[in-house]
C-alpha atoms as a PDB file:
ATOM      1  CA  MET A   1     -90.131  57.503  53.922  1.00  0.00           C
ATOM      2  CA  GLU A   2     -86.414  57.176  54.365  1.00  0.00           C
ATOM      3  CA  SER A   3     -83.777  58.780  52.217  1.00  0.00           C
ATOM      4  CA  SER A   4     -82.813  56.792  49.137  1.00  0.00           C
ATOM      5  CA  GLY A   5     -80.387  58.147  46.600  1.00  0.00           C
ATOM      6  CA  SER A   6     -80.869  61.886  46.242  1.00  0.00           C
ATOM      7  CA  CYS A   7     -84.208  61.901  48.094  1.00  0.00           C
ATOM      8  CA  ARG A   8     -84.129  63.686  51.447  1.00  0.00           C
ATOM      9  CA  ALA A   9     -85.630  61.844  54.408  1.00  0.00           C
ATOM     10  CA  ALA A  10     -89.220  62.798  55.193  1.00  0.00           C
ATOM     11  CA  LYS A  11     -91.314  61.934  58.225  1.00  0.00           C
ATOM     12  CA  LEU A  12     -94.527  59.958  58.042  1.00  0.00           C
ATOM     13  CA  PHE A  13     -96.928  61.925  60.270  1.00  0.00           C
ATOM     14  CA  SER A  14     -99.950  60.319  61.908  1.00  0.00           C
ATOM     15  CA  GLY A  15    -103.434  61.679  61.297  1.00  0.00           C
ATOM     16  CA  ARG A  16    -103.621  62.498  64.988  1.00  0.00           C
ATOM     17  CA  GLU A  17    -100.450  64.638  64.806  1.00  0.00           C
ATOM     18  CA  ILE A  18    -101.797  66.566  61.815  1.00  0.00           C
ATOM     19  CA  LYS A  19    -105.212  67.158  63.366  1.00  0.00           C
ATOM     20  CA  LYS A  20    -103.629  68.370  66.599  1.00  0.00           C
ATOM     21  CA  ALA A  21    -101.225  70.670  64.728  1.00  0.00           C
ATOM     22  CA  THR A  22    -104.055  72.311  62.749  1.00  0.00           C
ATOM     23  CA  ASN A  23    -106.657  72.275  65.527  1.00  0.00           C
ATOM     24  CA  ASP A  24    -108.611  69.709  63.490  1.00  0.00           C
ATOM     25  CA  PHE A  25    -108.279  71.804  60.314  1.00  0.00           C
ATOM     26  CA  SER A  26    -109.866  74.825  61.960  1.00  0.00           C
ATOM     27  CA  SER A  27    -110.903  77.586  59.549  1.00  0.00           C
ATOM     28  CA  ASN A  28    -108.859  80.098  61.549  1.00  0.00           C
ATOM     29  CA  ARG A  29    -105.767  78.029  60.671  1.00  0.00           C
ATOM     30  CA  LEU A  30    -106.518  78.152  56.925  1.00  0.00           C
ATOM     31  CA  HIS A  31    -103.576  79.962  55.350  1.00  0.00           C
ATOM     32  CA  GLY A  32    -104.426  79.709  51.653  1.00  0.00           C
ATOM     33  CA  MET A  33    -106.298  77.837  48.950  1.00  0.00           C
ATOM     34  CA  GLY A  34    -105.413  76.745  45.451  1.00  0.00           C
ATOM     35  CA  GLY A  35    -107.346  75.041  42.707  1.00  0.00           C
ATOM     36  CA  TYR A  36    -106.668  71.573  44.067  1.00  0.00           C
ATOM     37  CA  ASP A  37    -105.640  72.082  47.664  1.00  0.00           C
ATOM     38  CA  GLU A  38    -105.836  73.995  50.929  1.00  0.00           C
ATOM     39  CA  VAL A  39    -102.921  75.026  53.151  1.00  0.00           C
ATOM     40  CA  TYR A  40    -103.216  75.279  56.927  1.00  0.00           C
ATOM     41  CA  LYS A  41    -100.749  76.774  59.359  1.00  0.00           C
ATOM     42  CA  GLY A  42     -99.961  74.239  62.046  1.00  0.00           C
ATOM     43  CA  THR A  43     -97.769  73.832  65.090  1.00  0.00           C
ATOM     44  CA  LEU A  44     -96.222  70.457  65.826  1.00  0.00           C
ATOM     45  CA  GLN A  45     -95.852  69.136  69.359  1.00  0.00           C
ATOM     46  CA  ASP A  46     -92.193  70.248  69.460  1.00  0.00           C
ATOM     47  CA  GLY A  47     -93.225  73.829  68.579  1.00  0.00           C
ATOM     48  CA  THR A  48     -92.206  73.715  64.924  1.00  0.00           C
ATOM     49  CA  VAL A  49     -94.528  75.842  62.783  1.00  0.00           C
ATOM     50  CA  VAL A  50     -95.478  74.054  59.561  1.00  0.00           C
ATOM     51  CA  ALA A  51     -97.592  74.447  56.449  1.00  0.00           C
ATOM     52  CA  VAL A  52    -100.015  71.536  56.078  1.00  0.00           C
ATOM     53  CA  LYS A  53    -101.133  71.101  52.478  1.00  0.00           C
ATOM     54  CA  CYS A  54    -104.085  68.826  51.795  1.00  0.00           C
ATOM     55  CA  ALA A  55    -105.983  68.040  48.636  1.00  0.00           C
ATOM     56  CA  LYS A  56    -109.556  69.302  48.647  1.00  0.00           C
ATOM     57  CA  LEU A  57    -112.063  66.587  49.500  1.00  0.00           C
ATOM     58  CA  GLY A  58    -113.608  65.050  46.427  1.00  0.00           C
ATOM     59  CA  ASN A  59    -110.679  66.003  44.221  1.00  0.00           C
ATOM     60  CA  PRO A  60    -110.001  62.899  42.105  1.00  0.00           C
ATOM     61  CA  LYS A  61    -106.543  64.218  41.190  1.00  0.00           C
ATOM     62  CA  GLY A  62    -105.541  64.728  44.834  1.00  0.00           C
ATOM     63  CA  ILE A  63    -103.455  61.585  45.251  1.00  0.00           C
ATOM     64  CA  ASP A  64    -101.760  62.057  41.875  1.00  0.00           C
ATOM     65  CA  GLN A  65    -100.918  65.678  42.749  1.00  0.00           C
ATOM     66  CA  VAL A  66     -99.372  64.639  46.081  1.00  0.00           C
ATOM     67  CA  LEU A  67     -97.341  61.806  44.567  1.00  0.00           C
ATOM     68  CA  ASN A  68     -96.077  64.118  41.826  1.00  0.00           C
ATOM     69  CA  GLU A  69     -95.063  66.750  44.375  1.00  0.00           C
ATOM     70  CA  VAL A  70     -93.194  64.205  46.509  1.00  0.00           C
ATOM     71  CA  HIS A  71     -91.444  62.888  43.399  1.00  0.00           C
ATOM     72  CA  ILE A  72     -90.305  66.394  42.425  1.00  0.00           C
ATOM     73  CA  TYR A  73     -89.173  67.341  45.941  1.00  0.00           C
ATOM     74  CA  CYS A  74     -87.114  64.161  46.171  1.00  0.00           C
ATOM     75  CA  GLN A  75     -85.176  65.266  43.090  1.00  0.00           C
ATOM     76  CA  VAL A  76     -84.698  68.934  43.958  1.00  0.00           C
ATOM     77  CA  ASN A  77     -82.824  70.493  46.845  1.00  0.00           C
ATOM     78  CA  HIS A  78     -82.382  74.264  46.699  1.00  0.00           C
ATOM     79  CA  ARG A  79     -82.032  76.872  49.423  1.00  0.00           C
ATOM     80  CA  ASN A  80     -84.787  78.986  47.840  1.00  0.00           C
ATOM     81  CA  LEU A  81     -87.374  76.191  47.905  1.00  0.00           C
ATOM     82  CA  VAL A  82     -89.466  75.484  50.959  1.00  0.00           C
ATOM     83  CA  GLY A  83     -88.522  72.150  52.521  1.00  0.00           C
ATOM     84  CA  LEU A  84     -90.813  69.134  52.522  1.00  0.00           C
ATOM     85  CA  LEU A  85     -90.822  67.734  56.067  1.00  0.00           C
ATOM     86  CA  GLY A  86     -93.114  64.768  55.509  1.00  0.00           C
ATOM     87  CA  CYS A  87     -96.571  63.505  54.713  1.00  0.00           C
ATOM     88  CA  CYS A  88     -99.655  61.848  56.157  1.00  0.00           C
ATOM     89  CA  VAL A  89    -101.687  59.183  54.392  1.00  0.00           C
ATOM     90  CA  GLU A  90    -104.011  58.196  57.265  1.00  0.00           C
ATOM     91  CA  LEU A  91    -106.758  60.747  56.613  1.00  0.00           C
ATOM     92  CA  ASP A  92    -109.379  61.077  53.854  1.00  0.00           C
ATOM     93  CA  GLN A  93    -106.964  62.922  51.570  1.00  0.00           C
ATOM     94  CA  PRO A  94    -103.156  62.711  51.382  1.00  0.00           C
ATOM     95  CA  ILE A  95    -101.347  65.522  53.180  1.00  0.00           C
ATOM     96  CA  LEU A  96     -97.921  67.110  52.740  1.00  0.00           C
ATOM     97  CA  VAL A  97     -96.139  68.925  55.566  1.00  0.00           C
ATOM     98  CA  TYR A  98     -93.726  71.732  54.675  1.00  0.00           C
ATOM     99  CA  GLU A  99     -91.600  74.270  56.478  1.00  0.00           C
ATOM    100  CA  PHE A 100     -93.712  77.357  57.145  1.00  0.00           C
ATOM    101  CA  ILE A 101     -92.388  80.537  55.553  1.00  0.00           C
ATOM    102  CA  GLU A 102     -93.768  83.819  56.924  1.00  0.00           C
ATOM    103  CA  ASN A 103     -92.913  86.311  54.197  1.00  0.00           C
ATOM    104  CA  GLY A 104     -95.437  85.438  51.502  1.00  0.00           C
ATOM    105  CA  THR A 105     -95.027  83.678  48.194  1.00  0.00           C
ATOM    106  CA  LEU A 106     -92.755  84.435  45.283  1.00  0.00           C
ATOM    107  CA  LEU A 107     -95.842  85.548  43.347  1.00  0.00           C
ATOM    108  CA  ASP A 108     -96.689  88.035  46.123  1.00  0.00           C
ATOM    109  CA  HIS A 109     -93.208  89.554  45.837  1.00  0.00           C
ATOM    110  CA  LEU A 110     -93.295  89.659  42.039  1.00  0.00           C
ATOM    111  CA  GLN A 111     -96.697  91.342  41.927  1.00  0.00           C
ATOM    112  CA  ASP A 112     -96.001  93.800  44.774  1.00  0.00           C
ATOM    113  CA  GLN A 113     -98.804  92.383  46.929  1.00  0.00           C
ATOM    114  CA  MET A 114     -96.761  92.258  50.120  1.00  0.00           C
ATOM    115  CA  PRO A 115     -97.696  93.991  53.373  1.00  0.00           C
ATOM    116  CA  LYS A 116     -95.892  97.222  54.245  1.00  0.00           C
ATOM    117  CA  GLY A 117     -92.274  96.673  55.158  1.00  0.00           C
ATOM    118  CA  CYS A 118     -91.753  93.668  52.858  1.00  0.00           C
ATOM    119  CA  ALA A 119     -89.632  94.054  49.755  1.00  0.00           C
ATOM    120  CA  PHE A 120     -91.035  94.132  46.233  1.00  0.00           C
ATOM    121  CA  LEU A 121     -88.714  92.426  43.739  1.00  0.00           C
ATOM    122  CA  THR A 122     -87.582  94.960  41.167  1.00  0.00           C
ATOM    123  CA  TRP A 123     -86.493  93.874  37.693  1.00  0.00           C
ATOM    124  CA  THR A 124     -82.867  94.281  38.756  1.00  0.00           C
ATOM    125  CA  HIS A 125     -83.351  91.900  41.694  1.00  0.00           C
ATOM    126  CA  ARG A 126     -85.185  89.406  39.494  1.00  0.00           C
ATOM    127  CA  LEU A 127     -82.189  89.090  37.174  1.00  0.00           C
END
């Protein structure tokens, strides 16, 4: 997946790289779950910590969701959005690989669900 037009270059990861990074999708690497997908914390061979997002098995919308996400990320580049590093299409479900961000989600900050020491976004900061 090379850069074309405004799309940033993304790496095509092998299934082997993804399995190694997530310890074969070990449950202790599971970072979060959504309605359609699961996110695992992984470490690439070069030491880069990543978020590995894969559609849940049996989800018929999985491929469409991934393609839509790639399409959107190719059009948007903003410092406040997590970066898409690449994808993997060798396994049972398509996988997206993102930068890993430690400090929780925007929703966590908006709803004051952050661990002690992390900032809650006040209305003033939101504007």
